Amino acid sequence: MTDSTTKHETTGLENTTFNILIALGKEAQFLYSTIDTYRSDAERANRSDLVNMWNTIKQDRQRHMQMLREALEKEAKEEKLRK
């Protein structure tokens, strides 16, 4: 386990801050491109069960995005986004 003050080698950000940024990017990619494709495929297949599942996952991911944004805002307020 690394100390939270350990810096990411290429960005100079604290590892914990870097982790938030990476997770935010991955969640956004899935939420704003991939999941809509999966949902559309389920709609075209007349699979309301899968449409409902993807809608639930989308809501969960939106909640995760909100948590990550709040954590990033906290990092910014604590000036942890500086090198």
PDB file of N, CA and C in Angstrom:
ATOM      1  N   MET A   1       0.851  -1.166   0.000  1.00  0.00           N
ATOM      2  CA  MET A   1       0.000   0.000   0.000  1.00  0.00           C
ATOM      3  C   MET A   1       0.901   1.234   0.000  1.00  0.00           C
ATOM      4  N   THR A   2       0.517   2.242  -0.797  1.00  0.00           N
ATOM      5  CA  THR A   2       1.347   3.433  -0.879  1.00  0.00           C
ATOM      6  C   THR A   2       0.789   4.535   0.002  1.00  0.00           C
ATOM      7  N   ASP A   3       1.665   5.378   0.440  1.00  0.00           N
ATOM      8  CA  ASP A   3       1.296   6.547   1.225  1.00  0.00           C
ATOM      9  C   ASP A   3       0.533   7.504   0.327  1.00  0.00           C
ATOM     10  N   SER A   4      -0.516   8.156   0.847  1.00  0.00           N
ATOM     11  CA  SER A   4      -1.325   9.053   0.028  1.00  0.00           C
ATOM     12  C   SER A   4      -0.549  10.266  -0.450  1.00  0.00           C
ATOM     13  N   THR A   5       0.595  10.535   0.151  1.00  0.00           N
ATOM     14  CA  THR A   5       1.402  11.665  -0.303  1.00  0.00           C
ATOM     15  C   THR A   5       2.393  11.257  -1.393  1.00  0.00           C
ATOM     16  N   THR A   6       2.417   9.986  -1.762  1.00  0.00           N
ATOM     17  CA  THR A   6       3.269   9.527  -2.845  1.00  0.00           C
ATOM     18  C   THR A   6       2.785  10.158  -4.136  1.00  0.00           C
ATOM     19  N   LYS A   7       3.728  10.642  -4.928  1.00  0.00           N
ATOM     20  CA  LYS A   7       3.386  11.326  -6.175  1.00  0.00           C
ATOM     21  C   LYS A   7       3.388  10.355  -7.348  1.00  0.00           C
ATOM     22  N   HIS A   8       2.451  10.576  -8.267  1.00  0.00           N
ATOM     23  CA  HIS A   8       2.434   9.808  -9.501  1.00  0.00           C
ATOM     24  C   HIS A   8       3.657  10.221 -10.302  1.00  0.00           C
ATOM     25  N   GLU A   9       4.361   9.258 -10.864  1.00  0.00           N
ATOM     26  CA  GLU A   9       5.669   9.544 -11.469  1.00  0.00           C
ATOM     27  C   GLU A   9       5.625  10.465 -12.679  1.00  0.00           C
ATOM     28  N   THR A  10       4.565  10.458 -13.460  1.00  0.00           N
ATOM     29  CA  THR A  10       4.553  11.316 -14.654  1.00  0.00           C
ATOM     30  C   THR A  10       3.760  12.605 -14.473  1.00  0.00           C
ATOM     31  N   THR A  11       2.751  12.593 -13.605  1.00  0.00           N
ATOM     32  CA  THR A  11       1.926  13.796 -13.451  1.00  0.00           C
ATOM     33  C   THR A  11       2.373  14.681 -12.296  1.00  0.00           C
ATOM     34  N   GLY A  12       3.028  14.084 -11.320  1.00  0.00           N
ATOM     35  CA  GLY A  12       3.412  14.834 -10.132  1.00  0.00           C
ATOM     36  C   GLY A  12       2.271  15.030  -9.154  1.00  0.00           C
ATOM     37  N   LEU A  13       1.096  14.506  -9.479  1.00  0.00           N
ATOM     38  CA  LEU A  13      -0.054  14.582  -8.572  1.00  0.00           C
ATOM     39  C   LEU A  13       0.061  13.503  -7.514  1.00  0.00           C
ATOM     40  N   GLU A  14      -0.588  13.721  -6.373  1.00  0.00           N
ATOM     41  CA  GLU A  14      -0.660  12.655  -5.379  1.00  0.00           C
ATOM     42  C   GLU A  14      -1.351  11.461  -6.028  1.00  0.00           C
ATOM     43  N   ASN A  15      -0.921  10.264  -5.676  1.00  0.00           N
ATOM     44  CA  ASN A  15      -1.519   9.059  -6.261  1.00  0.00           C
ATOM     45  C   ASN A  15      -3.028   9.020  -6.064  1.00  0.00           C
ATOM     46  N   THR A  16      -3.500   9.431  -4.890  1.00  0.00           N
ATOM     47  CA  THR A  16      -4.936   9.378  -4.632  1.00  0.00           C
ATOM     48  C   THR A  16      -5.703  10.333  -5.546  1.00  0.00           C
ATOM     49  N   THR A  17      -5.126  11.490  -5.826  1.00  0.00           N
ATOM     50  CA  THR A  17      -5.761  12.444  -6.741  1.00  0.00           C
ATOM     51  C   THR A  17      -5.739  11.897  -8.159  1.00  0.00           C
ATOM     52  N   PHE A  18      -4.607  11.346  -8.566  1.00  0.00           N
ATOM     53  CA  PHE A  18      -4.483  10.736  -9.887  1.00  0.00           C
ATOM     54  C   PHE A  18      -5.515   9.616 -10.062  1.00  0.00           C
ATOM     55  N   ASN A  19      -5.691   8.802  -9.039  1.00  0.00           N
ATOM     56  CA  ASN A  19      -6.653   7.702  -9.097  1.00  0.00           C
ATOM     57  C   ASN A  19      -8.070   8.217  -9.335  1.00  0.00           C
ATOM     58  N   ILE A  20      -8.432   9.302  -8.675  1.00  0.00           N
ATOM     59  CA  ILE A  20      -9.762   9.894  -8.865  1.00  0.00           C
ATOM     60  C   ILE A  20      -9.932  10.339 -10.313  1.00  0.00           C
ATOM     61  N   LEU A  21      -8.920  10.999 -10.862  1.00  0.00           N
ATOM     62  CA  LEU A  21      -8.996  11.467 -12.248  1.00  0.00           C
ATOM     63  C   LEU A  21      -9.139  10.310 -13.227  1.00  0.00           C
ATOM     64  N   ILE A  22      -8.373   9.257 -13.026  1.00  0.00           N
ATOM     65  CA  ILE A  22      -8.449   8.088 -13.912  1.00  0.00           C
ATOM     66  C   ILE A  22      -9.826   7.425 -13.813  1.00  0.00           C
ATOM     67  N   ALA A  23     -10.319   7.231 -12.605  1.00  0.00           N
ATOM     68  CA  ALA A  23     -11.629   6.607 -12.419  1.00  0.00           C
ATOM     69  C   ALA A  23     -12.725   7.464 -13.035  1.00  0.00           C
ATOM     70  N   LEU A  24     -12.627   8.766 -12.881  1.00  0.00           N
ATOM     71  CA  LEU A  24     -13.618   9.678 -13.454  1.00  0.00           C
ATOM     72  C   LEU A  24     -13.646   9.538 -14.975  1.00  0.00           C
ATOM     73  N   GLY A  25     -12.479   9.468 -15.594  1.00  0.00           N
ATOM     74  CA  GLY A  25     -12.409   9.294 -17.045  1.00  0.00           C
ATOM     75  C   GLY A  25     -13.011   7.987 -17.509  1.00  0.00           C
ATOM     76  N   LYS A  26     -12.712   6.917 -16.805  1.00  0.00           N
ATOM     77  CA  LYS A  26     -13.243   5.601 -17.176  1.00  0.00           C
ATOM     78  C   LYS A  26     -14.762   5.554 -17.009  1.00  0.00           C
ATOM     79  N   GLU A  27     -15.244   6.096 -15.898  1.00  0.00           N
ATOM     80  CA  GLU A  27     -16.694   6.121 -15.677  1.00  0.00           C
ATOM     81  C   GLU A  27     -17.384   6.951 -16.759  1.00  0.00           C
ATOM     82  N   ALA A  28     -16.807   8.098 -17.095  1.00  0.00           N
ATOM     83  CA  ALA A  28     -17.402   8.971 -18.108  1.00  0.00           C
ATOM     84  C   ALA A  28     -17.443   8.273 -19.462  1.00  0.00           C
ATOM     85  N   GLN A  29     -16.357   7.611 -19.831  1.00  0.00           N
ATOM     86  CA  GLN A  29     -16.307   6.896 -21.107  1.00  0.00           C
ATOM     87  C   GLN A  29     -17.420   5.862 -21.189  1.00  0.00           C
ATOM     88  N   PHE A  30     -17.547   5.056 -20.143  1.00  0.00           N
ATOM     89  CA  PHE A  30     -18.585   4.025 -20.138  1.00  0.00           C
ATOM     90  C   PHE A  30     -19.972   4.645 -20.116  1.00  0.00           C
ATOM     91  N   LEU A  31     -20.156   5.652 -19.280  1.00  0.00           N
ATOM     92  CA  LEU A  31     -21.472   6.252 -19.100  1.00  0.00           C
ATOM     93  C   LEU A  31     -21.946   6.997 -20.340  1.00  0.00           C
ATOM     94  N   TYR A  32     -21.068   7.744 -20.977  1.00  0.00           N
ATOM     95  CA  TYR A  32     -21.512   8.627 -22.051  1.00  0.00           C
ATOM     96  C   TYR A  32     -21.326   8.074 -23.451  1.00  0.00           C
ATOM     97  N   SER A  33     -20.783   6.885 -23.598  1.00  0.00           N
ATOM     98  CA  SER A  33     -20.721   6.317 -24.942  1.00  0.00           C
ATOM     99  C   SER A  33     -21.153   4.856 -24.948  1.00  0.00           C
ATOM    100  N   THR A  34     -20.496   4.040 -24.185  1.00  0.00           N
ATOM    101  CA  THR A  34     -20.722   2.602 -24.231  1.00  0.00           C
ATOM    102  C   THR A  34     -22.113   2.189 -23.777  1.00  0.00           C
ATOM    103  N   ILE A  35     -22.537   2.676 -22.645  1.00  0.00           N
ATOM    104  CA  ILE A  35     -23.801   2.192 -22.069  1.00  0.00           C
ATOM    105  C   ILE A  35     -25.010   2.508 -22.956  1.00  0.00           C
ATOM    106  N   ASP A  36     -24.982   3.645 -23.640  1.00  0.00           N
ATOM    107  CA  ASP A  36     -26.096   3.982 -24.530  1.00  0.00           C
ATOM    108  C   ASP A  36     -26.157   3.031 -25.724  1.00  0.00           C
ATOM    109  N   THR A  37     -24.998   2.594 -26.188  1.00  0.00           N
ATOM    110  CA  THR A  37     -24.965   1.609 -27.274  1.00  0.00           C
ATOM    111  C   THR A  37     -25.568   0.293 -26.801  1.00  0.00           C
ATOM    112  N   TYR A  38     -25.179  -0.146 -25.621  1.00  0.00           N
ATOM    113  CA  TYR A  38     -25.714  -1.398 -25.081  1.00  0.00           C
ATOM    114  C   TYR A  38     -27.222  -1.311 -24.881  1.00  0.00           C
ATOM    115  N   ARG A  39     -27.669  -0.177 -24.385  1.00  0.00           N
ATOM    116  CA  ARG A  39     -29.105   0.022 -24.163  1.00  0.00           C
ATOM    117  C   ARG A  39     -29.854   0.004 -25.494  1.00  0.00           C
ATOM    118  N   SER A  40     -29.308   0.663 -26.510  1.00  0.00           N
ATOM    119  CA  SER A  40     -29.935   0.687 -27.841  1.00  0.00           C
ATOM    120  C   SER A  40     -30.003  -0.711 -28.440  1.00  0.00           C
ATOM    121  N   ASP A  41     -28.937  -1.481 -28.264  1.00  0.00           N
ATOM    122  CA  ASP A  41     -28.943  -2.866 -28.760  1.00  0.00           C
ATOM    123  C   ASP A  41     -30.058  -3.666 -28.091  1.00  0.00           C
ATOM    124  N   ALA A  42     -30.223  -3.480 -26.796  1.00  0.00           N
ATOM    125  CA  ALA A  42     -31.281  -4.190 -26.065  1.00  0.00           C
ATOM    126  C   ALA A  42     -32.662  -3.738 -26.539  1.00  0.00           C
ATOM    127  N   GLU A  43     -32.818  -2.456 -26.821  1.00  0.00           N
ATOM    128  CA  GLU A  43     -34.106  -1.960 -27.338  1.00  0.00           C
ATOM    129  C   GLU A  43     -34.415  -2.580 -28.698  1.00  0.00           C
ATOM    130  N   ARG A  44     -33.409  -2.608 -29.587  1.00  0.00           N
ATOM    131  CA  ARG A  44     -33.609  -3.189 -30.924  1.00  0.00           C
ATOM    132  C   ARG A  44     -33.955  -4.675 -30.840  1.00  0.00           C
ATOM    133  N   ALA A  45     -33.466  -5.340 -29.826  1.00  0.00           N
ATOM    134  CA  ALA A  45     -33.743  -6.768 -29.636  1.00  0.00           C
ATOM    135  C   ALA A  45     -35.045  -6.997 -28.862  1.00  0.00           C
ATOM    136  N   ASN A  46     -35.758  -5.907 -28.563  1.00  0.00           N
ATOM    137  CA  ASN A  46     -36.995  -5.998 -27.772  1.00  0.00           C
ATOM    138  C   ASN A  46     -36.777  -6.712 -26.446  1.00  0.00           C
ATOM    139  N   ARG A  47     -35.659  -6.375 -25.780  1.00  0.00           N
ATOM    140  CA  ARG A  47     -35.317  -6.985 -24.497  1.00  0.00           C
ATOM    141  C   ARG A  47     -35.495  -5.951 -23.392  1.00  0.00           C
ATOM    142  N   SER A  48     -36.745  -5.776 -22.971  1.00  0.00           N
ATOM    143  CA  SER A  48     -37.026  -4.779 -21.933  1.00  0.00           C
ATOM    144  C   SER A  48     -36.296  -5.104 -20.631  1.00  0.00           C
ATOM    145  N   ASP A  49     -36.068  -6.390 -20.365  1.00  0.00           N
ATOM    146  CA  ASP A  49     -35.326  -6.755 -19.163  1.00  0.00           C
ATOM    147  C   ASP A  49     -33.905  -6.195 -19.202  1.00  0.00           C
ATOM    148  N   LEU A  50     -33.278  -6.253 -20.387  1.00  0.00           N
ATOM    149  CA  LEU A  50     -31.929  -5.729 -20.522  1.00  0.00           C
ATOM    150  C   LEU A  50     -31.919  -4.201 -20.566  1.00  0.00           C
ATOM    151  N   VAL A  51     -32.936  -3.621 -21.184  1.00  0.00           N
ATOM    152  CA  VAL A  51     -33.048  -2.158 -21.175  1.00  0.00           C
ATOM    153  C   VAL A  51     -33.127  -1.675 -19.734  1.00  0.00           C
ATOM    154  N   ASN A  52     -33.953  -2.329 -18.941  1.00  0.00           N
ATOM    155  CA  ASN A  52     -34.082  -1.960 -17.525  1.00  0.00           C
ATOM    156  C   ASN A  52     -32.767  -2.143 -16.773  1.00  0.00           C
ATOM    157  N   MET A  53     -32.067  -3.234 -17.071  1.00  0.00           N
ATOM    158  CA  MET A  53     -30.784  -3.473 -16.422  1.00  0.00           C
ATOM    159  C   MET A  53     -29.794  -2.354 -16.774  1.00  0.00           C
ATOM    160  N   TRP A  54     -29.688  -2.005 -18.067  1.00  0.00           N
ATOM    161  CA  TRP A  54     -28.766  -0.942 -18.476  1.00  0.00           C
ATOM    162  C   TRP A  54     -29.165   0.404 -17.896  1.00  0.00           C
ATOM    163  N   ASN A  55     -30.472   0.647 -17.774  1.00  0.00           N
ATOM    164  CA  ASN A  55     -30.922   1.889 -17.141  1.00  0.00           C
ATOM    165  C   ASN A  55     -30.490   1.947 -15.677  1.00  0.00           C
ATOM    166  N   THR A  56     -30.600   0.823 -14.987  1.00  0.00           N
ATOM    167  CA  THR A  56     -30.184   0.756 -13.583  1.00  0.00           C
ATOM    168  C   THR A  56     -28.681   0.966 -13.460  1.00  0.00           C
ATOM    169  N   ILE A  57     -27.926   0.312 -14.324  1.00  0.00           N
ATOM    170  CA  ILE A  57     -26.475   0.482 -14.307  1.00  0.00           C
ATOM    171  C   ILE A  57     -26.104   1.922 -14.605  1.00  0.00           C
ATOM    172  N   LYS A  58     -26.802   2.548 -15.552  1.00  0.00           N
ATOM    173  CA  LYS A  58     -26.535   3.948 -15.890  1.00  0.00           C
ATOM    174  C   LYS A  58     -26.775   4.847 -14.678  1.00  0.00           C
ATOM    175  N   GLN A  59     -27.870   4.606 -13.965  1.00  0.00           N
ATOM    176  CA  GLN A  59     -28.155   5.399 -12.761  1.00  0.00           C
ATOM    177  C   GLN A  59     -27.057   5.209 -11.720  1.00  0.00           C
ATOM    178  N   ASP A  60     -26.620   3.969 -11.536  1.00  0.00           N
ATOM    179  CA  ASP A  60     -25.529   3.696 -10.586  1.00  0.00           C
ATOM    180  C   ASP A  60     -24.254   4.415 -11.003  1.00  0.00           C
ATOM    181  N   ARG A  61     -23.934   4.360 -12.290  1.00  0.00           N
ATOM    182  CA  ARG A  61     -22.717   5.017 -12.785  1.00  0.00           C
ATOM    183  C   ARG A  61     -22.820   6.537 -12.644  1.00  0.00           C
ATOM    184  N   GLN A  62     -24.024   7.079 -12.833  1.00  0.00           N
ATOM    185  CA  GLN A  62     -24.201   8.521 -12.641  1.00  0.00           C
ATOM    186  C   GLN A  62     -23.941   8.896 -11.185  1.00  0.00           C
ATOM    187  N   ARG A  63     -24.369   8.040 -10.279  1.00  0.00           N
ATOM    188  CA  ARG A  63     -24.109   8.263  -8.849  1.00  0.00           C
ATOM    189  C   ARG A  63     -22.604   8.183  -8.581  1.00  0.00           C
ATOM    190  N   HIS A  64     -21.939   7.207  -9.191  1.00  0.00           N
ATOM    191  CA  HIS A  64     -20.486   7.085  -9.040  1.00  0.00           C
ATOM    192  C   HIS A  64     -19.781   8.324  -9.580  1.00  0.00           C
ATOM    193  N   MET A  65     -20.236   8.818 -10.728  1.00  0.00           N
ATOM    194  CA  MET A  65     -19.638  10.029 -11.309  1.00  0.00           C
ATOM    195  C   MET A  65     -19.784  11.202 -10.349  1.00  0.00           C
ATOM    196  N   GLN A  66     -20.943  11.325  -9.732  1.00  0.00           N
ATOM    197  CA  GLN A  66     -21.171  12.416  -8.784  1.00  0.00           C
ATOM    198  C   GLN A  66     -20.214  12.301  -7.593  1.00  0.00           C
ATOM    199  N   MET A  67     -20.031  11.093  -7.093  1.00  0.00           N
ATOM    200  CA  MET A  67     -19.106  10.880  -5.983  1.00  0.00           C
ATOM    201  C   MET A  67     -17.685  11.268  -6.374  1.00  0.00           C
ATOM    202  N   LEU A  68     -17.270  10.873  -7.571  1.00  0.00           N
ATOM    203  CA  LEU A  68     -15.928  11.192  -8.043  1.00  0.00           C
ATOM    204  C   LEU A  68     -15.757  12.693  -8.262  1.00  0.00           C
ATOM    205  N   ARG A  69     -16.789  13.350  -8.819  1.00  0.00           N
ATOM    206  CA  ARG A  69     -16.713  14.806  -9.012  1.00  0.00           C
ATOM    207  C   ARG A  69     -16.578  15.515  -7.678  1.00  0.00           C
ATOM    208  N   GLU A  70     -17.346  15.071  -6.683  1.00  0.00           N
ATOM    209  CA  GLU A  70     -17.264  15.679  -5.357  1.00  0.00           C
ATOM    210  C   GLU A  70     -15.869  15.484  -4.753  1.00  0.00           C
ATOM    211  N   ALA A  71     -15.305  14.293  -4.931  1.00  0.00           N
ATOM    212  CA  ALA A  71     -13.964  14.030  -4.417  1.00  0.00           C
ATOM    213  C   ALA A  71     -12.939  14.910  -5.133  1.00  0.00           C
ATOM    214  N   LEU A  72     -13.104  15.082  -6.443  1.00  0.00           N
ATOM    215  CA  LEU A  72     -12.177  15.925  -7.196  1.00  0.00           C
ATOM    216  C   LEU A  72     -12.297  17.387  -6.779  1.00  0.00           C
ATOM    217  N   GLU A  73     -13.522  17.841  -6.535  1.00  0.00           N
ATOM    218  CA  GLU A  73     -13.722  19.214  -6.051  1.00  0.00           C
ATOM    219  C   GLU A  73     -13.010  19.411  -4.712  1.00  0.00           C
ATOM    220  N   LYS A  74     -13.090  18.414  -3.844  1.00  0.00           N
ATOM    221  CA  LYS A  74     -12.408  18.493  -2.558  1.00  0.00           C
ATOM    222  C   LYS A  74     -10.896  18.563  -2.757  1.00  0.00           C
ATOM    223  N   GLU A  75     -10.376  17.745  -3.671  1.00  0.00           N
ATOM    224  CA  GLU A  75      -8.942  17.774  -3.968  1.00  0.00           C
ATOM    225  C   GLU A  75      -8.541  19.163  -4.468  1.00  0.00           C
ATOM    226  N   ALA A  76      -9.366  19.750  -5.323  1.00  0.00           N
ATOM    227  CA  ALA A  76      -9.055  21.076  -5.871  1.00  0.00           C
ATOM    228  C   ALA A  76      -9.059  22.123  -4.764  1.00  0.00           C
ATOM    229  N   LYS A  77     -10.026  22.063  -3.875  1.00  0.00           N
ATOM    230  CA  LYS A  77     -10.099  23.016  -2.771  1.00  0.00           C
ATOM    231  C   LYS A  77      -8.888  22.893  -1.854  1.00  0.00           C
ATOM    232  N   GLU A  78      -8.376  21.682  -1.731  1.00  0.00           N
ATOM    233  CA  GLU A  78      -7.199  21.457  -0.887  1.00  0.00           C
ATOM    234  C   GLU A  78      -5.903  21.639  -1.684  1.00  0.00           C
ATOM    235  N   GLU A  79      -6.055  22.165  -2.900  1.00  0.00           N
ATOM    236  CA  GLU A  79      -4.925  22.458  -3.798  1.00  0.00           C
ATOM    237  C   GLU A  79      -4.048  21.244  -4.077  1.00  0.00           C
ATOM    238  N   LYS A  80      -4.673  20.093  -4.221  1.00  0.00           N
ATOM    239  CA  LYS A  80      -3.925  18.874  -4.513  1.00  0.00           C
ATOM    240  C   LYS A  80      -3.824  18.611  -6.009  1.00  0.00           C
ATOM    241  N   LEU A  81      -4.310  19.537  -6.831  1.00  0.00           N
ATOM    242  CA  LEU A  81      -4.216  19.378  -8.270  1.00  0.00           C
ATOM    243  C   LEU A  81      -2.973  20.054  -8.829  1.00  0.00           C
ATOM    244  N   ARG A  82      -2.170  20.613  -7.925  1.00  0.00           N
ATOM    245  CA  ARG A  82      -0.920  21.240  -8.346  1.00  0.00           C
ATOM    246  C   ARG A  82       0.198  20.214  -8.308  1.00  0.00           C
ATOM    247  N   LYS A  83       1.175  20.441  -9.149  1.00  0.00           N
ATOM    248  CA  LYS A  83       2.368  19.563  -9.140  1.00  0.00           C
ATOM    249  C   LYS A  83       3.185  19.828  -7.918  1.00  0.00           C
TER     250      LYS A  83
END
